[in-house]
Each structure stands twice: as structure tokens, then as C-alpha cells.
Amino acid sequence: MILDSNEDMDYNSREGTLATLNLSYNEIGERGAKNLCDALQNNKTLKILILSDNEINDTGVQYLANILQNNTVKYFSN
């Protein structure tokens, strides 16, 4: 499973200006969605998030819906 830890994403969110993140086809599940949301909490640069063809369940989708309400992401694909 990808995104078992959000340490790398946290580092990147503090150090860079990532505008597009495509994580399609990565077998991301509920835990990965939660870790992604934790990393996106302080995001100020990401505009496009693509998560097509993953394994995110209803709980993971709820995590994403909650975090994306108050985030800079303008385009989301799942």
C-alpha cells in the first residue's frame, strides 16, 4: 500500500510548491487517504489532485471531502 506514512509528503509540503499531484493507480486505501489528508492540512500550493483508480472506501472519501472543503485544491478527480 502506498502512503503508509505521511512523513515524505509533509517534508515536501514544507519545502516545495507542488501544484499538481497525480496518485492514480497506486492502490491507495482508507489509511492512505487519511495520511494524504493529514499532509494536505497545511497545504497552500496544491491546485490539482488526481486519485483515479485507487481503493479508497467510503471512510477515505469522507476524509478527503472534509479536508478539501477548506483547501487550495480547485480540481479533484477520483
PDB file of N, CA and C in Angstrom:
ATOM      1  N   MET A   1       0.839  -1.182   0.000  1.00  0.00           N
ATOM      2  CA  MET A   1       0.000   0.000   0.000  1.00  0.00           C
ATOM      3  C   MET A   1       0.882   1.241   0.000  1.00  0.00           C
ATOM      4  N   ILE A   2       0.494   2.207  -0.768  1.00  0.00           N
ATOM      5  CA  ILE A   2       1.223   3.477  -0.812  1.00  0.00           C
ATOM      6  C   ILE A   2       0.679   4.397   0.278  1.00  0.00           C
ATOM      7  N   LEU A   3       1.471   5.331   0.687  1.00  0.00           N
ATOM      8  CA  LEU A   3       1.095   6.345   1.671  1.00  0.00           C
ATOM      9  C   LEU A   3       0.851   5.751   3.055  1.00  0.00           C
ATOM     10  N   ASP A   4       1.681   4.794   3.433  1.00  0.00           N
ATOM     11  CA  ASP A   4       1.585   4.261   4.781  1.00  0.00           C
ATOM     12  C   ASP A   4       2.062   5.276   5.812  1.00  0.00           C
ATOM     13  N   SER A   5       2.832   6.246   5.368  1.00  0.00           N
ATOM     14  CA  SER A   5       3.338   7.285   6.252  1.00  0.00           C
ATOM     15  C   SER A   5       3.259   8.610   5.516  1.00  0.00           C
ATOM     16  N   ASN A   6       3.010   9.680   6.221  1.00  0.00           N
ATOM     17  CA  ASN A   6       2.930  10.975   5.557  1.00  0.00           C
ATOM     18  C   ASN A   6       4.183  11.816   5.771  1.00  0.00           C
ATOM     19  N   GLU A   7       5.273  11.212   6.250  1.00  0.00           N
ATOM     20  CA  GLU A   7       6.492  11.977   6.518  1.00  0.00           C
ATOM     21  C   GLU A   7       7.063  12.616   5.257  1.00  0.00           C
ATOM     22  N   ASP A   8       7.140  11.863   4.161  1.00  0.00           N
ATOM     23  CA  ASP A   8       7.692  12.413   2.926  1.00  0.00           C
ATOM     24  C   ASP A   8       6.816  13.525   2.379  1.00  0.00           C
ATOM     25  N   MET A   9       5.502  13.346   2.433  1.00  0.00           N
ATOM     26  CA  MET A   9       4.610  14.382   1.931  1.00  0.00           C
ATOM     27  C   MET A   9       4.688  15.621   2.800  1.00  0.00           C
ATOM     28  N   ASP A  10       4.818  15.453   4.096  1.00  0.00           N
ATOM     29  CA  ASP A  10       4.936  16.596   4.992  1.00  0.00           C
ATOM     30  C   ASP A  10       6.186  17.392   4.661  1.00  0.00           C
ATOM     31  N   TYR A  11       7.302  16.702   4.446  1.00  0.00           N
ATOM     32  CA  TYR A  11       8.548  17.377   4.082  1.00  0.00           C
ATOM     33  C   TYR A  11       8.361  18.155   2.784  1.00  0.00           C
ATOM     34  N   ASN A  12       7.766  17.512   1.788  1.00  0.00           N
ATOM     35  CA  ASN A  12       7.578  18.171   0.501  1.00  0.00           C
ATOM     36  C   ASN A  12       6.638  19.362   0.611  1.00  0.00           C
ATOM     37  N   SER A  13       5.622  19.264   1.433  1.00  0.00           N
ATOM     38  CA  SER A  13       4.684  20.377   1.543  1.00  0.00           C
ATOM     39  C   SER A  13       5.320  21.581   2.223  1.00  0.00           C
ATOM     40  N   ARG A  14       6.327  21.360   3.050  1.00  0.00           N
ATOM     41  CA  ARG A  14       7.009  22.476   3.706  1.00  0.00           C
ATOM     42  C   ARG A  14       8.102  23.060   2.824  1.00  0.00           C
ATOM     43  N   GLU A  15       8.697  22.237   1.977  1.00  0.00           N
ATOM     44  CA  GLU A  15       9.878  22.653   1.226  1.00  0.00           C
ATOM     45  C   GLU A  15       9.596  23.077  -0.208  1.00  0.00           C
ATOM     46  N   GLY A  16       8.469  22.695  -0.773  1.00  0.00           N
ATOM     47  CA  GLY A  16       8.260  22.941  -2.192  1.00  0.00           C
ATOM     48  C   GLY A  16       6.965  23.656  -2.488  1.00  0.00           C
ATOM     49  N   THR A  17       6.699  23.768  -3.764  1.00  0.00           N
ATOM     50  CA  THR A  17       5.482  24.417  -4.221  1.00  0.00           C
ATOM     51  C   THR A  17       4.756  23.496  -5.191  1.00  0.00           C
ATOM     52  N   LEU A  18       4.387  22.342  -4.752  1.00  0.00           N
ATOM     53  CA  LEU A  18       3.692  21.357  -5.558  1.00  0.00           C
ATOM     54  C   LEU A  18       2.317  21.888  -5.939  1.00  0.00           C
ATOM     55  N   ALA A  19       2.020  21.926  -7.251  1.00  0.00           N
ATOM     56  CA  ALA A  19       0.737  22.432  -7.714  1.00  0.00           C
ATOM     57  C   ALA A  19      -0.183  21.315  -8.196  1.00  0.00           C
ATOM     58  N   THR A  20       0.385  20.232  -8.722  1.00  0.00           N
ATOM     59  CA  THR A  20      -0.394  19.105  -9.232  1.00  0.00           C
ATOM     60  C   THR A  20       0.131  17.817  -8.631  1.00  0.00           C
ATOM     61  N   LEU A  21      -0.775  16.977  -8.152  1.00  0.00           N
ATOM     62  CA  LEU A  21      -0.393  15.688  -7.589  1.00  0.00           C
ATOM     63  C   LEU A  21      -1.289  14.617  -8.191  1.00  0.00           C
ATOM     64  N   ASN A  22      -0.688  13.713  -8.967  1.00  0.00           N
ATOM     65  CA  ASN A  22      -1.417  12.616  -9.594  1.00  0.00           C
ATOM     66  C   ASN A  22      -0.979  11.316  -8.931  1.00  0.00           C
ATOM     67  N   LEU A  23      -1.860  10.738  -8.142  1.00  0.00           N
ATOM     68  CA  LEU A  23      -1.584   9.480  -7.451  1.00  0.00           C
ATOM     69  C   LEU A  23      -2.484   8.356  -7.964  1.00  0.00           C
ATOM     70  N   SER A  24      -2.865   8.425  -9.223  1.00  0.00           N
ATOM     71  CA  SER A  24      -3.714   7.399  -9.822  1.00  0.00           C
ATOM     72  C   SER A  24      -3.021   6.049  -9.831  1.00  0.00           C
ATOM     73  N   TYR A  25      -3.830   4.996  -9.739  1.00  0.00           N
ATOM     74  CA  TYR A  25      -3.353   3.607  -9.846  1.00  0.00           C
ATOM     75  C   TYR A  25      -2.292   3.262  -8.803  1.00  0.00           C
ATOM     76  N   ASN A  26      -2.460   3.694  -7.573  1.00  0.00           N
ATOM     77  CA  ASN A  26      -1.472   3.437  -6.527  1.00  0.00           C
ATOM     78  C   ASN A  26      -2.004   2.585  -5.384  1.00  0.00           C
ATOM     79  N   GLU A  27      -3.170   2.004  -5.546  1.00  0.00           N
ATOM     80  CA  GLU A  27      -3.753   1.143  -4.516  1.00  0.00           C
ATOM     81  C   GLU A  27      -3.915   1.863  -3.176  1.00  0.00           C
ATOM     82  N   ILE A  28      -4.194   3.152  -3.238  1.00  0.00           N
ATOM     83  CA  ILE A  28      -4.418   3.927  -2.018  1.00  0.00           C
ATOM     84  C   ILE A  28      -5.754   3.503  -1.415  1.00  0.00           C
ATOM     85  N   GLY A  29      -5.735   3.168  -0.150  1.00  0.00           N
ATOM     86  CA  GLY A  29      -6.945   2.768   0.560  1.00  0.00           C
ATOM     87  C   GLY A  29      -7.308   3.790   1.622  1.00  0.00           C
ATOM     88  N   GLU A  30      -8.059   3.345   2.616  1.00  0.00           N
ATOM     89  CA  GLU A  30      -8.521   4.246   3.674  1.00  0.00           C
ATOM     90  C   GLU A  30      -7.360   4.874   4.437  1.00  0.00           C
ATOM     91  N   ARG A  31      -6.396   4.071   4.843  1.00  0.00           N
ATOM     92  CA  ARG A  31      -5.258   4.600   5.610  1.00  0.00           C
ATOM     93  C   ARG A  31      -4.438   5.578   4.772  1.00  0.00           C
ATOM     94  N   GLY A  32      -4.235   5.265   3.515  1.00  0.00           N
ATOM     95  CA  GLY A  32      -3.503   6.170   2.639  1.00  0.00           C
ATOM     96  C   GLY A  32      -4.240   7.481   2.440  1.00  0.00           C
ATOM     97  N   ALA A  33      -5.564   7.406   2.320  1.00  0.00           N
ATOM     98  CA  ALA A  33      -6.367   8.623   2.182  1.00  0.00           C
ATOM     99  C   ALA A  33      -6.251   9.485   3.435  1.00  0.00           C
ATOM    100  N   LYS A  34      -6.276   8.838   4.592  1.00  0.00           N
ATOM    101  CA  LYS A  34      -6.131   9.582   5.860  1.00  0.00           C
ATOM    102  C   LYS A  34      -4.772  10.260   5.936  1.00  0.00           C
ATOM    103  N   ASN A  35      -3.709   9.536   5.569  1.00  0.00           N
ATOM    104  CA  ASN A  35      -2.366  10.122   5.593  1.00  0.00           C
ATOM    105  C   ASN A  35      -2.240  11.260   4.587  1.00  0.00           C
ATOM    106  N   LEU A  36      -2.848  11.107   3.434  1.00  0.00           N
ATOM    107  CA  LEU A  36      -2.837  12.181   2.443  1.00  0.00           C
ATOM    108  C   LEU A  36      -3.540  13.415   3.007  1.00  0.00           C
ATOM    109  N   CYS A  37      -4.658  13.223   3.648  1.00  0.00           N
ATOM    110  CA  CYS A  37      -5.390  14.347   4.244  1.00  0.00           C
ATOM    111  C   CYS A  37      -4.585  15.027   5.342  1.00  0.00           C
ATOM    112  N   ASP A  38      -3.908  14.242   6.152  1.00  0.00           N
ATOM    113  CA  ASP A  38      -3.052  14.827   7.188  1.00  0.00           C
ATOM    114  C   ASP A  38      -1.981  15.711   6.558  1.00  0.00           C
ATOM    115  N   ALA A  39      -1.410  15.254   5.456  1.00  0.00           N
ATOM    116  CA  ALA A  39      -0.369  16.026   4.776  1.00  0.00           C
ATOM    117  C   ALA A  39      -0.944  17.270   4.105  1.00  0.00           C
ATOM    118  N   LEU A  40      -2.190  17.201   3.667  1.00  0.00           N
ATOM    119  CA  LEU A  40      -2.807  18.333   2.973  1.00  0.00           C
ATOM    120  C   LEU A  40      -3.341  19.403   3.921  1.00  0.00           C
ATOM    121  N   GLN A  41      -3.370  19.131   5.204  1.00  0.00           N
ATOM    122  CA  GLN A  41      -3.918  20.099   6.162  1.00  0.00           C
ATOM    123  C   GLN A  41      -3.276  21.472   6.051  1.00  0.00           C
ATOM    124  N   ASN A  42      -1.989  21.529   5.858  1.00  0.00           N
ATOM    125  CA  ASN A  42      -1.280  22.806   5.790  1.00  0.00           C
ATOM    126  C   ASN A  42      -0.913  23.207   4.372  1.00  0.00           C
ATOM    127  N   ASN A  43      -1.484  22.516   3.397  1.00  0.00           N
ATOM    128  CA  ASN A  43      -1.184  22.799   2.005  1.00  0.00           C
ATOM    129  C   ASN A  43      -1.658  24.194   1.607  1.00  0.00           C
ATOM    130  N   LYS A  44      -0.784  24.898   0.916  1.00  0.00           N
ATOM    131  CA  LYS A  44      -1.143  26.222   0.411  1.00  0.00           C
ATOM    132  C   LYS A  44      -0.840  26.359  -1.074  1.00  0.00           C
ATOM    133  N   THR A  45      -0.385  25.272  -1.714  1.00  0.00           N
ATOM    134  CA  THR A  45       0.028  25.373  -3.116  1.00  0.00           C
ATOM    135  C   THR A  45      -0.661  24.399  -4.052  1.00  0.00           C
ATOM    136  N   LEU A  46      -1.152  23.270  -3.566  1.00  0.00           N
ATOM    137  CA  LEU A  46      -1.725  22.249  -4.439  1.00  0.00           C
ATOM    138  C   LEU A  46      -3.041  22.729  -5.033  1.00  0.00           C
ATOM    139  N   LYS A  47      -3.158  22.633  -6.352  1.00  0.00           N
ATOM    140  CA  LYS A  47      -4.370  23.062  -7.053  1.00  0.00           C
ATOM    141  C   LYS A  47      -5.117  21.890  -7.674  1.00  0.00           C
ATOM    142  N   ILE A  48      -4.384  20.838  -8.067  1.00  0.00           N
ATOM    143  CA  ILE A  48      -4.980  19.698  -8.756  1.00  0.00           C
ATOM    144  C   ILE A  48      -4.587  18.417  -8.035  1.00  0.00           C
ATOM    145  N   LEU A  49      -5.581  17.603  -7.675  1.00  0.00           N
ATOM    146  CA  LEU A  49      -5.357  16.326  -7.007  1.00  0.00           C
ATOM    147  C   LEU A  49      -6.095  15.246  -7.782  1.00  0.00           C
ATOM    148  N   ILE A  50      -5.358  14.256  -8.273  1.00  0.00           N
ATOM    149  CA  ILE A  50      -5.941  13.179  -9.070  1.00  0.00           C
ATOM    150  C   ILE A  50      -5.689  11.851  -8.355  1.00  0.00           C
ATOM    151  N   LEU A  51      -6.760  11.165  -8.031  1.00  0.00           N
ATOM    152  CA  LEU A  51      -6.672   9.900  -7.294  1.00  0.00           C
ATOM    153  C   LEU A  51      -7.434   8.775  -8.002  1.00  0.00           C
ATOM    154  N   SER A  52      -7.501   8.807  -9.301  1.00  0.00           N
ATOM    155  CA  SER A  52      -8.271   7.831 -10.066  1.00  0.00           C
ATOM    156  C   SER A  52      -7.786   6.407  -9.847  1.00  0.00           C
ATOM    157  N   ASP A  53      -8.719   5.473  -9.880  1.00  0.00           N
ATOM    158  CA  ASP A  53      -8.446   4.036  -9.827  1.00  0.00           C
ATOM    159  C   ASP A  53      -7.605   3.621  -8.628  1.00  0.00           C
ATOM    160  N   ASN A  54      -8.024   4.037  -7.457  1.00  0.00           N
ATOM    161  CA  ASN A  54      -7.419   3.594  -6.210  1.00  0.00           C
ATOM    162  C   ASN A  54      -8.439   2.748  -5.454  1.00  0.00           C
ATOM    163  N   GLU A  55      -8.184   2.449  -4.218  1.00  0.00           N
ATOM    164  CA  GLU A  55      -9.060   1.589  -3.423  1.00  0.00           C
ATOM    165  C   GLU A  55      -9.613   2.340  -2.215  1.00  0.00           C
ATOM    166  N   ILE A  56      -9.938   3.604  -2.411  1.00  0.00           N
ATOM    167  CA  ILE A  56     -10.417   4.445  -1.317  1.00  0.00           C
ATOM    168  C   ILE A  56     -11.880   4.102  -1.025  1.00  0.00           C
ATOM    169  N   ASN A  57     -12.161   3.716   0.216  1.00  0.00           N
ATOM    170  CA  ASN A  57     -13.525   3.347   0.603  1.00  0.00           C
ATOM    171  C   ASN A  57     -14.308   4.588   1.046  1.00  0.00           C
ATOM    172  N   ASP A  58     -15.539   4.372   1.503  1.00  0.00           N
ATOM    173  CA  ASP A  58     -16.402   5.490   1.903  1.00  0.00           C
ATOM    174  C   ASP A  58     -15.789   6.340   3.009  1.00  0.00           C
ATOM    175  N   THR A  59     -15.124   5.705   3.957  1.00  0.00           N
ATOM    176  CA  THR A  59     -14.485   6.451   5.042  1.00  0.00           C
ATOM    177  C   THR A  59     -13.362   7.323   4.497  1.00  0.00           C
ATOM    178  N   GLY A  60     -12.559   6.787   3.589  1.00  0.00           N
ATOM    179  CA  GLY A  60     -11.487   7.554   2.968  1.00  0.00           C
ATOM    180  C   GLY A  60     -12.020   8.733   2.171  1.00  0.00           C
ATOM    181  N   VAL A  61     -13.126   8.511   1.475  1.00  0.00           N
ATOM    182  CA  VAL A  61     -13.754   9.595   0.714  1.00  0.00           C
ATOM    183  C   VAL A  61     -14.241  10.686   1.660  1.00  0.00           C
ATOM    184  N   GLN A  62     -14.765  10.295   2.813  1.00  0.00           N
ATOM    185  CA  GLN A  62     -15.212  11.293   3.792  1.00  0.00           C
ATOM    186  C   GLN A  62     -14.042  12.113   4.320  1.00  0.00           C
ATOM    187  N   TYR A  63     -12.902  11.455   4.585  1.00  0.00           N
ATOM    188  CA  TYR A  63     -11.695  12.187   4.987  1.00  0.00           C
ATOM    189  C   TYR A  63     -11.355  13.243   3.938  1.00  0.00           C
ATOM    190  N   LEU A  64     -11.350  12.820   2.675  1.00  0.00           N
ATOM    191  CA  LEU A  64     -10.999  13.735   1.581  1.00  0.00           C
ATOM    192  C   LEU A  64     -12.008  14.875   1.470  1.00  0.00           C
ATOM    193  N   ALA A  65     -13.289  14.554   1.561  1.00  0.00           N
ATOM    194  CA  ALA A  65     -14.323  15.589   1.466  1.00  0.00           C
ATOM    195  C   ALA A  65     -14.147  16.637   2.561  1.00  0.00           C
ATOM    196  N   ASN A  66     -13.847  16.193   3.760  1.00  0.00           N
ATOM    197  CA  ASN A  66     -13.669  17.125   4.878  1.00  0.00           C
ATOM    198  C   ASN A  66     -12.471  18.038   4.671  1.00  0.00           C
ATOM    199  N   ILE A  67     -11.347  17.484   4.236  1.00  0.00           N
ATOM    200  CA  ILE A  67     -10.133  18.296   4.099  1.00  0.00           C
ATOM    201  C   ILE A  67     -10.213  19.224   2.886  1.00  0.00           C
ATOM    202  N   LEU A  68     -10.892  18.790   1.830  1.00  0.00           N
ATOM    203  CA  LEU A  68     -10.937  19.600   0.611  1.00  0.00           C
ATOM    204  C   LEU A  68     -11.901  20.777   0.723  1.00  0.00           C
ATOM    205  N   GLN A  69     -12.753  20.788   1.727  1.00  0.00           N
ATOM    206  CA  GLN A  69     -13.667  21.918   1.913  1.00  0.00           C
ATOM    207  C   GLN A  69     -12.916  23.218   2.186  1.00  0.00           C
ATOM    208  N   ASN A  70     -11.816  23.127   2.888  1.00  0.00           N
ATOM    209  CA  ASN A  70     -11.051  24.314   3.277  1.00  0.00           C
ATOM    210  C   ASN A  70      -9.616  24.197   2.796  1.00  0.00           C
ATOM    211  N   ASN A  71      -9.439  23.955   1.508  1.00  0.00           N
ATOM    212  CA  ASN A  71      -8.118  23.721   0.966  1.00  0.00           C
ATOM    213  C   ASN A  71      -7.969  24.479  -0.341  1.00  0.00           C
ATOM    214  N   THR A  72      -6.751  24.535  -0.853  1.00  0.00           N
ATOM    215  CA  THR A  72      -6.482  25.264  -2.088  1.00  0.00           C
ATOM    216  C   THR A  72      -6.751  24.437  -3.332  1.00  0.00           C
ATOM    217  N   VAL A  73      -7.089  23.155  -3.182  1.00  0.00           N
ATOM    218  CA  VAL A  73      -7.339  22.293  -4.336  1.00  0.00           C
ATOM    219  C   VAL A  73      -8.583  22.782  -5.066  1.00  0.00           C
ATOM    220  N   LYS A  74      -8.433  23.031  -6.364  1.00  0.00           N
ATOM    221  CA  LYS A  74      -9.535  23.529  -7.185  1.00  0.00           C
ATOM    222  C   LYS A  74     -10.094  22.452  -8.102  1.00  0.00           C
ATOM    223  N   TYR A  75      -9.299  21.401  -8.375  1.00  0.00           N
ATOM    224  CA  TYR A  75      -9.738  20.299  -9.226  1.00  0.00           C
ATOM    225  C   TYR A  75      -9.400  18.994  -8.535  1.00  0.00           C
ATOM    226  N   PHE A  76     -10.408  18.141  -8.366  1.00  0.00           N
ATOM    227  CA  PHE A  76     -10.222  16.845  -7.716  1.00  0.00           C
ATOM    228  C   PHE A  76     -10.851  15.784  -8.589  1.00  0.00           C
ATOM    229  N   SER A  77     -10.104  14.714  -8.853  1.00  0.00           N
ATOM    230  CA  SER A  77     -10.611  13.601  -9.644  1.00  0.00           C
ATOM    231  C   SER A  77     -10.399  12.317  -8.878  1.00  0.00           C
ATOM    232  N   ASN A  78     -11.459  11.521  -8.764  1.00  0.00           N
ATOM    233  CA  ASN A  78     -11.359  10.227  -8.103  1.00  0.00           C
ATOM    234  C   ASN A  78     -12.054   9.188  -8.940  1.00  0.00           C
TER     235      ASN A  78
END
